[in-house]
PDB file of N, CA and C in Angstrom:
ATOM      1  N   MET A   1       4.699   0.982  -6.521  1.00  0.00           N
ATOM      2  CA  MET A   1       5.869   0.219  -6.135  1.00  0.00           C
ATOM      3  C   MET A   1       5.645  -0.503  -4.813  1.00  0.00           C
ATOM      4  N   THR A   2       4.935   0.132  -3.905  1.00  0.00           N
ATOM      5  CA  THR A   2       4.648  -0.486  -2.610  1.00  0.00           C
ATOM      6  C   THR A   2       3.843  -1.761  -2.799  1.00  0.00           C
ATOM      7  N   TRP A   3       2.912  -1.736  -3.757  1.00  0.00           N
ATOM      8  CA  TRP A   3       2.075  -2.909  -4.018  1.00  0.00           C
ATOM      9  C   TRP A   3       2.923  -4.092  -4.487  1.00  0.00           C
ATOM     10  N   ILE A   4       3.868  -3.849  -5.372  1.00  0.00           N
ATOM     11  CA  ILE A   4       4.732  -4.924  -5.870  1.00  0.00           C
ATOM     12  C   ILE A   4       5.581  -5.493  -4.738  1.00  0.00           C
ATOM     13  N   ILE A   5       6.128  -4.638  -3.895  1.00  0.00           N
ATOM     14  CA  ILE A   5       6.934  -5.095  -2.757  1.00  0.00           C
ATOM     15  C   ILE A   5       6.075  -5.926  -1.818  1.00  0.00           C
ATOM     16  N   THR A   6       4.837  -5.499  -1.571  1.00  0.00           N
ATOM     17  CA  THR A   6       3.921  -6.249  -0.713  1.00  0.00           C
ATOM     18  C   THR A   6       3.648  -7.627  -1.297  1.00  0.00           C
ATOM     19  N   LYS A   7       3.395  -7.691  -2.607  1.00  0.00           N
ATOM     20  CA  LYS A   7       3.151  -8.974  -3.264  1.00  0.00           C
ATOM     21  C   LYS A   7       4.349  -9.899  -3.119  1.00  0.00           C
ATOM     22  N   TYR A   8       5.535  -9.369  -3.375  1.00  0.00           N
ATOM     23  CA  TYR A   8       6.752 -10.171  -3.232  1.00  0.00           C
ATOM     24  C   TYR A   8       6.933 -10.659  -1.793  1.00  0.00           C
ATOM     25  N   ALA A   9       6.712  -9.789  -0.844  1.00  0.00           N
ATOM     26  CA  ALA A   9       6.905 -10.144   0.560  1.00  0.00           C
ATOM     27  C   ALA A   9       5.952 -11.249   0.997  1.00  0.00           C
ATOM     28  N   ILE A  10       4.692 -11.130   0.641  1.00  0.00           N
ATOM     29  CA  ILE A  10       3.710 -12.150   1.021  1.00  0.00           C
ATOM     30  C   ILE A  10       4.027 -13.480   0.345  1.00  0.00           C
ATOM     31  N   THR A  11       4.337 -13.433  -0.944  1.00  0.00           N
ATOM     32  CA  THR A  11       4.642 -14.654  -1.684  1.00  0.00           C
ATOM     33  C   THR A  11       5.916 -15.309  -1.150  1.00  0.00           C
ATOM     34  N   ALA A  12       6.939 -14.524  -0.889  1.00  0.00           N
ATOM     35  CA  ALA A  12       8.190 -15.055  -0.346  1.00  0.00           C
ATOM     36  C   ALA A  12       7.970 -15.640   1.047  1.00  0.00           C
ATOM     37  N   ALA A  13       7.158 -14.971   1.851  1.00  0.00           N
ATOM     38  CA  ALA A  13       6.867 -15.478   3.202  1.00  0.00           C
ATOM     39  C   ALA A  13       6.215 -16.850   3.133  1.00  0.00           C
ATOM     40  N   MET A  14       5.374 -17.063   2.143  1.00  0.00           N
ATOM     41  CA  MET A  14       4.747 -18.377   1.996  1.00  0.00           C
ATOM     42  C   MET A  14       5.784 -19.451   1.705  1.00  0.00           C
ATOM     43  N   VAL A  15       6.724 -19.165   0.822  1.00  0.00           N
ATOM     44  CA  VAL A  15       7.760 -20.134   0.480  1.00  0.00           C
ATOM     45  C   VAL A  15       8.609 -20.444   1.714  1.00  0.00           C
ATOM     46  N   VAL A  16       8.981 -19.420   2.461  1.00  0.00           N
ATOM     47  CA  VAL A  16       9.771 -19.619   3.675  1.00  0.00           C
ATOM     48  C   VAL A  16       8.972 -20.436   4.697  1.00  0.00           C
ATOM     49  N   LEU A  17       7.698 -20.110   4.872  1.00  0.00           N
ATOM     50  CA  LEU A  17       6.844 -20.844   5.802  1.00  0.00           C
ATOM     51  C   LEU A  17       6.783 -22.323   5.433  1.00  0.00           C
ATOM     52  N   ILE A  18       6.583 -22.607   4.166  1.00  0.00           N
ATOM     53  CA  ILE A  18       6.496 -24.003   3.723  1.00  0.00           C
ATOM     54  C   ILE A  18       7.813 -24.726   3.962  1.00  0.00           C
ATOM     55  N   SER A  19       8.937 -24.098   3.638  1.00  0.00           N
ATOM     56  CA  SER A  19      10.225 -24.771   3.842  1.00  0.00           C
ATOM     57  C   SER A  19      10.515 -24.980   5.320  1.00  0.00           C
ATOM     58  N   GLU A  20      10.112 -24.044   6.169  1.00  0.00           N
ATOM     59  CA  GLU A  20      10.307 -24.215   7.611  1.00  0.00           C
ATOM     60  C   GLU A  20       9.416 -25.330   8.155  1.00  0.00           C
ATOM     61  N   MET A  21       8.188 -25.407   7.651  1.00  0.00           N
ATOM     62  CA  MET A  21       7.286 -26.492   8.071  1.00  0.00           C
ATOM     63  C   MET A  21       7.846 -27.841   7.634  1.00  0.00           C
ATOM     64  N   ALA A  22       8.429 -27.900   6.448  1.00  0.00           N
ATOM     65  CA  ALA A  22       8.987 -29.147   5.927  1.00  0.00           C
ATOM     66  C   ALA A  22      10.168 -29.620   6.781  1.00  0.00           C
ATOM     67  N   LYS A  23      10.908 -28.689   7.383  1.00  0.00           N
ATOM     68  CA  LYS A  23      12.008 -29.073   8.271  1.00  0.00           C
ATOM     69  C   LYS A  23      11.489 -29.794   9.509  1.00  0.00           C
ATOM     70  N   ARG A  24      10.322 -29.378   9.976  1.00  0.00           N
ATOM     71  CA  ARG A  24       9.767 -29.928  11.210  1.00  0.00           C
ATOM     72  C   ARG A  24       8.944 -31.184  10.981  1.00  0.00           C
ATOM     73  N   SER A  25       8.281 -31.250   9.841  1.00  0.00           N
ATOM     74  CA  SER A  25       7.424 -32.395   9.556  1.00  0.00           C
ATOM     75  C   SER A  25       7.374 -32.645   8.057  1.00  0.00           C
ATOM     76  N   ASP A  26       7.873 -33.807   7.640  1.00  0.00           N
ATOM     77  CA  ASP A  26       7.848 -34.145   6.217  1.00  0.00           C
ATOM     78  C   ASP A  26       6.426 -34.118   5.675  1.00  0.00           C
ATOM     79  N   LYS A  27       5.524 -34.737   6.399  1.00  0.00           N
ATOM     80  CA  LYS A  27       4.146 -34.864   5.924  1.00  0.00           C
ATOM     81  C   LYS A  27       3.427 -33.517   5.895  1.00  0.00           C
ATOM     82  N   LEU A  28       3.528 -32.750   6.973  1.00  0.00           N
ATOM     83  CA  LEU A  28       2.846 -31.463   7.022  1.00  0.00           C
ATOM     84  C   LEU A  28       3.437 -30.488   5.998  1.00  0.00           C
ATOM     85  N   GLY A  29       4.760 -30.458   5.899  1.00  0.00           N
ATOM     86  CA  GLY A  29       5.408 -29.591   4.917  1.00  0.00           C
ATOM     87  C   GLY A  29       5.000 -29.954   3.501  1.00  0.00           C
ATOM     88  N   SER A  30       4.919 -31.238   3.223  1.00  0.00           N
ATOM     89  CA  SER A  30       4.507 -31.681   1.886  1.00  0.00           C
ATOM     90  C   SER A  30       3.044 -31.361   1.616  1.00  0.00           C
ATOM     91  N   LEU A  31       2.216 -31.538   2.634  1.00  0.00           N
ATOM     92  CA  LEU A  31       0.790 -31.223   2.471  1.00  0.00           C
ATOM     93  C   LEU A  31       0.606 -29.743   2.141  1.00  0.00           C
ATOM     94  N   ILE A  32       1.281 -28.894   2.884  1.00  0.00           N
ATOM     95  CA  ILE A  32       1.159 -27.450   2.643  1.00  0.00           C
ATOM     96  C   ILE A  32       1.733 -27.093   1.274  1.00  0.00           C
ATOM     97  N   ALA A  33       2.866 -27.714   0.907  1.00  0.00           N
ATOM     98  CA  ALA A  33       3.468 -27.432  -0.398  1.00  0.00           C
ATOM     99  C   ALA A  33       2.575 -27.903  -1.539  1.00  0.00           C
ATOM    100  N   ALA A  34       1.823 -28.971  -1.311  1.00  0.00           N
ATOM    101  CA  ALA A  34       0.954 -29.508  -2.362  1.00  0.00           C
ATOM    102  C   ALA A  34      -0.290 -28.660  -2.581  1.00  0.00           C
ATOM    103  N   LEU A  35      -0.636 -27.865  -1.590  1.00  0.00           N
ATOM    104  CA  LEU A  35      -1.800 -26.988  -1.763  1.00  0.00           C
ATOM    105  C   LEU A  35      -1.474 -25.947  -2.827  1.00  0.00           C
ATOM    106  N   PRO A  36      -2.438 -25.573  -3.603  1.00  0.00           N
ATOM    107  CA  PRO A  36      -2.164 -24.597  -4.668  1.00  0.00           C
ATOM    108  C   PRO A  36      -2.119 -23.159  -4.148  1.00  0.00           C
ATOM    109  N   LEU A  37      -1.315 -22.931  -3.114  1.00  0.00           N
ATOM    110  CA  LEU A  37      -1.270 -21.616  -2.480  1.00  0.00           C
ATOM    111  C   LEU A  37      -0.751 -20.522  -3.409  1.00  0.00           C
ATOM    112  N   VAL A  38       0.269 -20.828  -4.175  1.00  0.00           N
ATOM    113  CA  VAL A  38       0.811 -19.818  -5.084  1.00  0.00           C
ATOM    114  C   VAL A  38      -0.224 -19.489  -6.156  1.00  0.00           C
ATOM    115  N   THR A  39      -0.910 -20.501  -6.647  1.00  0.00           N
ATOM    116  CA  THR A  39      -1.948 -20.254  -7.650  1.00  0.00           C
ATOM    117  C   THR A  39      -3.080 -19.422  -7.051  1.00  0.00           C
ATOM    118  N   VAL A  40      -3.491 -19.759  -5.852  1.00  0.00           N
ATOM    119  CA  VAL A  40      -4.560 -18.989  -5.200  1.00  0.00           C
ATOM    120  C   VAL A  40      -4.118 -17.542  -5.013  1.00  0.00           C
ATOM    121  N   LEU A  41      -2.883 -17.351  -4.567  1.00  0.00           N
ATOM    122  CA  LEU A  41      -2.372 -15.981  -4.419  1.00  0.00           C
ATOM    123  C   LEU A  41      -2.348 -15.254  -5.760  1.00  0.00           C
ATOM    124  N   THR A  42      -1.927 -15.956  -6.796  1.00  0.00           N
ATOM    125  CA  THR A  42      -1.893 -15.337  -8.122  1.00  0.00           C
ATOM    126  C   THR A  42      -3.298 -14.926  -8.564  1.00  0.00           C
ATOM    127  N   LEU A  43      -4.270 -15.804  -8.337  1.00  0.00           N
ATOM    128  CA  LEU A  43      -5.650 -15.462  -8.684  1.00  0.00           C
ATOM    129  C   LEU A  43      -6.123 -14.246  -7.896  1.00  0.00           C
ATOM    130  N   ILE A  44      -5.747 -14.180  -6.626  1.00  0.00           N
ATOM    131  CA  ILE A  44      -6.114 -13.024  -5.797  1.00  0.00           C
ATOM    132  C   ILE A  44      -5.448 -11.765  -6.341  1.00  0.00           C
ATOM    133  N   TRP A  45      -4.127 -11.859  -6.648  1.00  0.00           N
ATOM    134  CA  TRP A  45      -3.421 -10.679  -7.163  1.00  0.00           C
ATOM    135  C   TRP A  45      -4.066 -10.206  -8.467  1.00  0.00           C
ATOM    136  N   LEU A  46      -4.391 -11.134  -9.351  1.00  0.00           N
ATOM    137  CA  LEU A  46      -5.027 -10.750 -10.620  1.00  0.00           C
ATOM    138  C   LEU A  46      -6.377 -10.066 -10.374  1.00  0.00           C
ATOM    139  N   TYR A  47      -7.139 -10.611  -9.442  1.00  0.00           N
ATOM    140  CA  TYR A  47      -8.459 -10.041  -9.136  1.00  0.00           C
ATOM    141  C   TYR A  47      -8.321  -8.644  -8.526  1.00  0.00           C
ATOM    142  N   VAL A  48      -7.432  -8.509  -7.539  1.00  0.00           N
ATOM    143  CA  VAL A  48      -7.232  -7.216  -6.869  1.00  0.00           C
ATOM    144  C   VAL A  48      -6.746  -6.168  -7.865  1.00  0.00           C
ATOM    145  N   GLU A  49      -5.949  -6.608  -8.832  1.00  0.00           N
ATOM    146  CA  GLU A  49      -5.436  -5.689  -9.846  1.00  0.00           C
ATOM    147  C   GLU A  49      -6.428  -5.488 -10.987  1.00  0.00           C
ATOM    148  N   GLN A  50      -7.652  -5.951 -10.777  1.00  0.00           N
ATOM    149  CA  GLN A  50      -8.778  -5.752 -11.697  1.00  0.00           C
ATOM    150  C   GLN A  50      -8.512  -6.263 -13.107  1.00  0.00           C
ATOM    151  N   GLN A  51      -7.888  -7.440 -13.177  1.00  0.00           N
ATOM    152  CA  GLN A  51      -7.709  -8.085 -14.471  1.00  0.00           C
ATOM    153  C   GLN A  51      -9.050  -8.648 -14.929  1.00  0.00           C
ATOM    154  N   PRO A  52      -9.254  -8.801 -16.220  1.00  0.00           N
ATOM    155  CA  PRO A  52     -10.526  -9.333 -16.709  1.00  0.00           C
ATOM    156  C   PRO A  52     -10.770 -10.753 -16.196  1.00  0.00           C
ATOM    157  N   SER A  53     -12.034 -11.073 -15.998  1.00  0.00           N
ATOM    158  CA  SER A  53     -12.409 -12.410 -15.527  1.00  0.00           C
ATOM    159  C   SER A  53     -11.872 -13.494 -16.440  1.00  0.00           C
ATOM    160  N   SER A  54     -11.850 -13.222 -17.731  1.00  0.00           N
ATOM    161  CA  SER A  54     -11.345 -14.218 -18.680  1.00  0.00           C
ATOM    162  C   SER A  54      -9.869 -14.524 -18.429  1.00  0.00           C
ATOM    163  N   LYS A  55      -9.079 -13.522 -18.077  1.00  0.00           N
ATOM    164  CA  LYS A  55      -7.657 -13.727 -17.791  1.00  0.00           C
ATOM    165  C   LYS A  55      -7.486 -14.566 -16.524  1.00  0.00           C
ATOM    166  N   ILE A  56      -8.285 -14.288 -15.519  1.00  0.00           N
ATOM    167  CA  ILE A  56      -8.214 -15.040 -14.258  1.00  0.00           C
ATOM    168  C   ILE A  56      -8.633 -16.491 -14.500  1.00  0.00           C
ATOM    169  N   ALA A  57      -9.718 -16.672 -15.222  1.00  0.00           N
ATOM    170  CA  ALA A  57     -10.200 -18.030 -15.525  1.00  0.00           C
ATOM    171  C   ALA A  57      -9.177 -18.790 -16.364  1.00  0.00           C
ATOM    172  N   ASN A  58      -8.586 -18.127 -17.347  1.00  0.00           N
ATOM    173  CA  ASN A  58      -7.563 -18.780 -18.175  1.00  0.00           C
ATOM    174  C   ASN A  58      -6.359 -19.197 -17.345  1.00  0.00           C
ATOM    175  N   HIS A  59      -6.000 -18.376 -16.383  1.00  0.00           N
ATOM    176  CA  HIS A  59      -4.868 -18.737 -15.530  1.00  0.00           C
ATOM    177  C   HIS A  59      -5.157 -20.055 -14.792  1.00  0.00           C
ATOM    178  N   ALA A  60      -6.336 -20.176 -14.229  1.00  0.00           N
ATOM    179  CA  ALA A  60      -6.706 -21.406 -13.520  1.00  0.00           C
ATOM    180  C   ALA A  60      -6.755 -22.588 -14.498  1.00  0.00           C
ATOM    181  N   TRP A  61      -7.329 -22.370 -15.672  1.00  0.00           N
ATOM    182  CA  TRP A  61      -7.457 -23.424 -16.677  1.00  0.00           C
ATOM    183  C   TRP A  61      -6.086 -23.964 -17.094  1.00  0.00           C
ATOM    184  N   TYR A  62      -5.163 -23.070 -17.450  1.00  0.00           N
ATOM    185  CA  TYR A  62      -3.846 -23.512 -17.891  1.00  0.00           C
ATOM    186  C   TYR A  62      -3.024 -24.081 -16.743  1.00  0.00           C
ATOM    187  N   THR A  63      -3.218 -23.576 -15.547  1.00  0.00           N
ATOM    188  CA  THR A  63      -2.506 -24.135 -14.400  1.00  0.00           C
ATOM    189  C   THR A  63      -2.839 -25.610 -14.240  1.00  0.00           C
ATOM    190  N   PHE A  64      -4.109 -25.959 -14.421  1.00  0.00           N
ATOM    191  CA  PHE A  64      -4.507 -27.374 -14.344  1.00  0.00           C
ATOM    192  C   PHE A  64      -3.680 -28.217 -15.311  1.00  0.00           C
ATOM    193  N   TRP A  65      -3.608 -27.782 -16.559  1.00  0.00           N
ATOM    194  CA  TRP A  65      -2.891 -28.561 -17.560  1.00  0.00           C
ATOM    195  C   TRP A  65      -1.389 -28.577 -17.303  1.00  0.00           C
ATOM    196  N   TYR A  66      -0.834 -27.496 -16.767  1.00  0.00           N
ATOM    197  CA  TYR A  66       0.605 -27.437 -16.525  1.00  0.00           C
ATOM    198  C   TYR A  66       1.025 -28.232 -15.286  1.00  0.00           C
ATOM    199  N   VAL A  67       0.091 -28.481 -14.384  1.00  0.00           N
ATOM    200  CA  VAL A  67       0.409 -29.286 -13.201  1.00  0.00           C
ATOM    201  C   VAL A  67       0.579 -30.764 -13.568  1.00  0.00           C
ATOM    202  N   LEU A  68      -0.233 -31.243 -14.471  1.00  0.00           N
ATOM    203  CA  LEU A  68      -0.220 -32.668 -14.813  1.00  0.00           C
ATOM    204  C   LEU A  68       1.174 -33.211 -15.166  1.00  0.00           C
ATOM    205  N   PRO A  69       1.928 -32.557 -16.053  1.00  0.00           N
ATOM    206  CA  PRO A  69       3.239 -33.122 -16.397  1.00  0.00           C
ATOM    207  C   PRO A  69       4.278 -33.014 -15.280  1.00  0.00           C
ATOM    208  N   THR A  70       3.971 -32.281 -14.215  1.00  0.00           N
ATOM    209  CA  THR A  70       4.929 -32.205 -13.103  1.00  0.00           C
ATOM    210  C   THR A  70       4.782 -33.381 -12.145  1.00  0.00           C
ATOM    211  N   LEU A  71       3.654 -34.063 -12.184  1.00  0.00           N
ATOM    212  CA  LEU A  71       3.390 -35.126 -11.210  1.00  0.00           C
ATOM    213  C   LEU A  71       4.407 -36.272 -11.247  1.00  0.00           C
ATOM    214  N   PRO A  72       4.835 -36.749 -12.426  1.00  0.00           N
ATOM    215  CA  PRO A  72       5.839 -37.826 -12.409  1.00  0.00           C
ATOM    216  C   PRO A  72       7.128 -37.449 -11.683  1.00  0.00           C
ATOM    217  N   MET A  73       7.472 -36.170 -11.681  1.00  0.00           N
ATOM    218  CA  MET A  73       8.692 -35.732 -11.000  1.00  0.00           C
ATOM    219  C   MET A  73       8.687 -36.135  -9.523  1.00  0.00           C
ATOM    220  N   PHE A  74       7.522 -36.058  -8.907  1.00  0.00           N
ATOM    221  CA  PHE A  74       7.447 -36.332  -7.473  1.00  0.00           C
ATOM    222  C   PHE A  74       7.561 -37.817  -7.146  1.00  0.00           C
ATOM    223  N   LEU A  75       7.461 -38.651  -8.150  1.00  0.00           N
ATOM    224  CA  LEU A  75       7.726 -40.088  -7.966  1.00  0.00           C
ATOM    225  C   LEU A  75       9.155 -40.430  -8.367  1.00  0.00           C
ATOM    226  N   ILE A  76       9.632 -39.806  -9.439  1.00  0.00           N
ATOM    227  CA  ILE A  76      10.962 -40.106  -9.968  1.00  0.00           C
ATOM    228  C   ILE A  76      12.064 -39.540  -9.079  1.00  0.00           C
ATOM    229  N   PHE A  77      11.893 -38.312  -8.604  1.00  0.00           N
ATOM    230  CA  PHE A  77      12.939 -37.656  -7.815  1.00  0.00           C
ATOM    231  C   PHE A  77      13.336 -38.458  -6.571  1.00  0.00           C
ATOM    232  N   PRO A  78      12.395 -38.866  -5.706  1.00  0.00           N
ATOM    233  CA  PRO A  78      12.835 -39.603  -4.513  1.00  0.00           C
ATOM    234  C   PRO A  78      13.463 -40.958  -4.860  1.00  0.00           C
ATOM    235  N   TYR A  79      12.984 -41.579  -5.923  1.00  0.00           N
ATOM    236  CA  TYR A  79      13.563 -42.856  -6.355  1.00  0.00           C
ATOM    237  C   TYR A  79      15.025 -42.662  -6.754  1.00  0.00           C
ATOM    238  N   LEU A  80      15.280 -41.631  -7.555  1.00  0.00           N
ATOM    239  CA  LEU A  80      16.640 -41.381  -8.040  1.00  0.00           C
ATOM    240  C   LEU A  80      17.559 -40.822  -6.963  1.00  0.00           C
ATOM    241  N   MET A  81      17.018 -40.014  -6.070  1.00  0.00           N
ATOM    242  CA  MET A  81      17.868 -39.331  -5.092  1.00  0.00           C
ATOM    243  C   MET A  81      18.680 -40.301  -4.250  1.00  0.00           C
ATOM    244  N   VAL A  82      18.088 -41.384  -3.824  1.00  0.00           N
ATOM    245  CA  VAL A  82      18.827 -42.345  -2.994  1.00  0.00           C
ATOM    246  C   VAL A  82      19.838 -43.141  -3.826  1.00  0.00           C
ATOM    247  N   ARG A  83      19.712 -43.086  -5.147  1.00  0.00           N
ATOM    248  CA  ARG A  83      20.600 -43.856  -6.011  1.00  0.00           C
ATOM    249  C   ARG A  83      21.714 -43.015  -6.636  1.00  0.00           C
ATOM    250  N   VAL A  84      21.408 -41.773  -7.037  1.00  0.00           N
ATOM    251  CA  VAL A  84      22.419 -40.976  -7.754  1.00  0.00           C
ATOM    252  C   VAL A  84      22.699 -39.630  -7.101  1.00  0.00           C
ATOM    253  N   GLY A  85      22.015 -39.294  -6.006  1.00  0.00           N
ATOM    254  CA  GLY A  85      22.261 -38.036  -5.322  1.00  0.00           C
ATOM    255  C   GLY A  85      21.273 -36.949  -5.712  1.00  0.00           C
ATOM    256  N   PHE A  86      21.368 -35.830  -4.995  1.00  0.00           N
ATOM    257  CA  PHE A  86      20.393 -34.749  -5.139  1.00  0.00           C
ATOM    258  C   PHE A  86      20.424 -34.078  -6.506  1.00  0.00           C
ATOM    259  N   TRP A  87      21.586 -33.511  -6.883  1.00  0.00           N
ATOM    260  CA  TRP A  87      21.656 -32.699  -8.108  1.00  0.00           C
ATOM    261  C   TRP A  87      21.355 -33.493  -9.365  1.00  0.00           C
ATOM    262  N   PRO A  88      21.954 -34.674  -9.551  1.00  0.00           N
ATOM    263  CA  PRO A  88      21.594 -35.446 -10.746  1.00  0.00           C
ATOM    264  C   PRO A  88      20.103 -35.808 -10.770  1.00  0.00           C
ATOM    265  N   SER A  89      19.560 -36.135  -9.613  1.00  0.00           N
ATOM    266  CA  SER A  89      18.132 -36.472  -9.542  1.00  0.00           C
ATOM    267  C   SER A  89      17.269 -35.281  -9.917  1.00  0.00           C
ATOM    268  N   LEU A  90      17.652 -34.116  -9.442  1.00  0.00           N
ATOM    269  CA  LEU A  90      16.884 -32.906  -9.749  1.00  0.00           C
ATOM    270  C   LEU A  90      16.929 -32.594 -11.243  1.00  0.00           C
ATOM    271  N   VAL A  91      18.121 -32.685 -11.828  1.00  0.00           N
ATOM    272  CA  VAL A  91      18.268 -32.410 -13.263  1.00  0.00           C
ATOM    273  C   VAL A  91      17.470 -33.423 -14.087  1.00  0.00           C
ATOM    274  N   ILE A  92      17.622 -34.707 -13.789  1.00  0.00           N
ATOM    275  CA  ILE A  92      16.903 -35.746 -14.523  1.00  0.00           C
ATOM    276  C   ILE A  92      15.398 -35.553 -14.369  1.00  0.00           C
ATOM    277  N   SER A  93      14.949 -35.256 -13.166  1.00  0.00           N
ATOM    278  CA  SER A  93      13.519 -35.040 -12.930  1.00  0.00           C
ATOM    279  C   SER A  93      12.993 -33.845 -13.717  1.00  0.00           C
ATOM    280  N   CYS A  94      13.777 -32.781 -13.778  1.00  0.00           N
ATOM    281  CA  CYS A  94      13.364 -31.601 -14.544  1.00  0.00           C
ATOM    282  C   CYS A  94      13.301 -31.913 -16.043  1.00  0.00           C
ATOM    283  N   VAL A  95      14.270 -32.652 -16.543  1.00  0.00           N
ATOM    284  CA  VAL A  95      14.258 -33.033 -17.962  1.00  0.00           C
ATOM    285  C   VAL A  95      13.032 -33.893 -18.260  1.00  0.00           C
ATOM    286  N   ILE A  96      12.749 -34.848 -17.392  1.00  0.00           N
ATOM    287  CA  ILE A  96      11.571 -35.702 -17.582  1.00  0.00           C
ATOM    288  C   ILE A  96      10.299 -34.866 -17.536  1.00  0.00           C
ATOM    289  N   THR A  97      10.259 -33.871 -16.654  1.00  0.00           N
ATOM    290  CA  THR A  97       9.087 -32.990 -16.580  1.00  0.00           C
ATOM    291  C   THR A  97       8.897 -32.235 -17.886  1.00  0.00           C
ATOM    292  N   VAL A  98       9.978 -31.721 -18.451  1.00  0.00           N
ATOM    293  CA  VAL A  98       9.892 -31.014 -19.731  1.00  0.00           C
ATOM    294  C   VAL A  98       9.393 -31.956 -20.823  1.00  0.00           C
ATOM    295  N   LEU A  99       9.922 -33.174 -20.852  1.00  0.00           N
ATOM    296  CA  LEU A  99       9.476 -34.154 -21.844  1.00  0.00           C
ATOM    297  C   LEU A  99       7.998 -34.497 -21.659  1.00  0.00           C
ATOM    298  N   CYS A 100       7.569 -34.626 -20.408  1.00  0.00           N
ATOM    299  CA  CYS A 100       6.152 -34.886 -20.127  1.00  0.00           C
ATOM    300  C   CYS A 100       5.291 -33.711 -20.590  1.00  0.00           C
ATOM    301  N   PHE A 101       5.787 -32.491 -20.376  1.00  0.00           N
ATOM    302  CA  PHE A 101       5.032 -31.321 -20.796  1.00  0.00           C
ATOM    303  C   PHE A 101       4.892 -31.279 -22.315  1.00  0.00           C
ATOM    304  N   VAL A 102       5.991 -31.495 -23.024  1.00  0.00           N
ATOM    305  CA  VAL A 102       5.948 -31.473 -24.493  1.00  0.00           C
ATOM    306  C   VAL A 102       5.008 -32.561 -24.999  1.00  0.00           C
ATOM    307  N   SER A 103       5.075 -33.740 -24.392  1.00  0.00           N
ATOM    308  CA  SER A 103       4.183 -34.846 -24.782  1.00  0.00           C
ATOM    309  C   SER A 103       2.722 -34.480 -24.539  1.00  0.00           C
ATOM    310  N   LEU A 104       2.445 -33.913 -23.360  1.00  0.00           N
ATOM    311  CA  LEU A 104       1.069 -33.518 -23.050  1.00  0.00           C
ATOM    312  C   LEU A 104       0.585 -32.449 -24.023  1.00  0.00           C
ATOM    313  N   ALA A 105       1.430 -31.493 -24.326  1.00  0.00           N
ATOM    314  CA  ALA A 105       1.046 -30.422 -25.258  1.00  0.00           C
ATOM    315  C   ALA A 105       0.709 -31.014 -26.624  1.00  0.00           C
ATOM    316  N   PHE A 106       1.509 -31.983 -27.056  1.00  0.00           N
ATOM    317  CA  PHE A 106       1.253 -32.625 -28.347  1.00  0.00           C
ATOM    318  C   PHE A 106      -0.083 -33.370 -28.328  1.00  0.00           C
ATOM    319  N   VAL A 107      -0.341 -34.125 -27.273  1.00  0.00           N
ATOM    320  CA  VAL A 107      -1.600 -34.869 -27.162  1.00  0.00           C
ATOM    321  C   VAL A 107      -2.786 -33.918 -27.081  1.00  0.00           C
ATOM    322  N   MET A 108      -2.668 -32.882 -26.275  1.00  0.00           N
ATOM    323  CA  MET A 108      -3.791 -31.960 -26.085  1.00  0.00           C
ATOM    324  C   MET A 108      -4.087 -31.154 -27.352  1.00  0.00           C
ATOM    325  N   LYS A 109      -3.067 -30.957 -28.171  1.00  0.00           N
ATOM    326  CA  LYS A 109      -3.286 -30.250 -29.441  1.00  0.00           C
ATOM    327  C   LYS A 109      -4.278 -31.028 -30.317  1.00  0.00           C
ATOM    328  N   GLN A 110      -4.265 -32.340 -30.173  1.00  0.00           N
ATOM    329  CA  GLN A 110      -5.205 -33.177 -30.932  1.00  0.00           C
ATOM    330  C   GLN A 110      -6.646 -32.907 -30.513  1.00  0.00           C
ATOM    331  N   PHE A 111      -6.829 -32.344 -29.308  1.00  0.00           N
ATOM    332  CA  PHE A 111      -8.143 -32.000 -28.792  1.00  0.00           C
ATOM    333  C   PHE A 111      -8.401 -30.489 -28.846  1.00  0.00           C
ATOM    334  N   ASP A 112      -7.614 -29.805 -29.656  1.00  0.00           N
ATOM    335  CA  ASP A 112      -7.720 -28.355 -29.827  1.00  0.00           C
ATOM    336  C   ASP A 112      -7.477 -27.554 -28.546  1.00  0.00           C
ATOM    337  N   ILE A 113      -6.627 -28.078 -27.692  1.00  0.00           N
ATOM    338  CA  ILE A 113      -6.191 -27.346 -26.495  1.00  0.00           C
ATOM    339  C   ILE A 113      -4.722 -26.995 -26.713  1.00  0.00           C
ATOM    340  N   GLU A 114      -4.460 -25.710 -26.912  1.00  0.00           N
ATOM    341  CA  GLU A 114      -3.107 -25.231 -27.186  1.00  0.00           C
ATOM    342  C   GLU A 114      -2.407 -24.879 -25.875  1.00  0.00           C
ATOM    343  N   LEU A 115      -1.350 -25.597 -25.529  1.00  0.00           N
ATOM    344  CA  LEU A 115      -0.614 -25.316 -24.302  1.00  0.00           C
ATOM    345  C   LEU A 115       0.654 -24.508 -24.552  1.00  0.00           C
ATOM    346  N   PHE A 116       1.032 -24.340 -25.798  1.00  0.00           N
ATOM    347  CA  PHE A 116       2.188 -23.499 -26.118  1.00  0.00           C
ATOM    348  C   PHE A 116       1.721 -22.150 -26.564  1.00  0.00           C
TER     349      PHE A 116
END
C-alpha cells in the first residue's frame, strides 16, 4: 500500500509542479507539460514493478499512436477558446480528439496495427 501511495504522490506532485510553472511562464509550463513525463514515470513504475519487457515496450509503442490524435486539440482549443469560451472549447476539442482517434484507429487497422 505504501508503494501505491508513493506512486500517486510523485505523479500528483508532477501535475502540480507543471500547473504552477504554467502560472509563472506560459512557454516554460507548456514545454514541461509537453515532455512525456507521465509516460516516463509509467515506464519506470512498470520496470520497478518487474513487468515483462514486452509490456513496457508495448506501453511506449501504443503511447506513440495515442498521442498523434491528440495533437489537433492543441491547435483547435486556443482558436475556439477566444471565440466560444473555455468549456465549449474544451468539449469540442475533446470530441474532435475522439474522432481523430477513431479515424487513426481505422487507418492503422489497414496496416495491421490494432489500436482498439
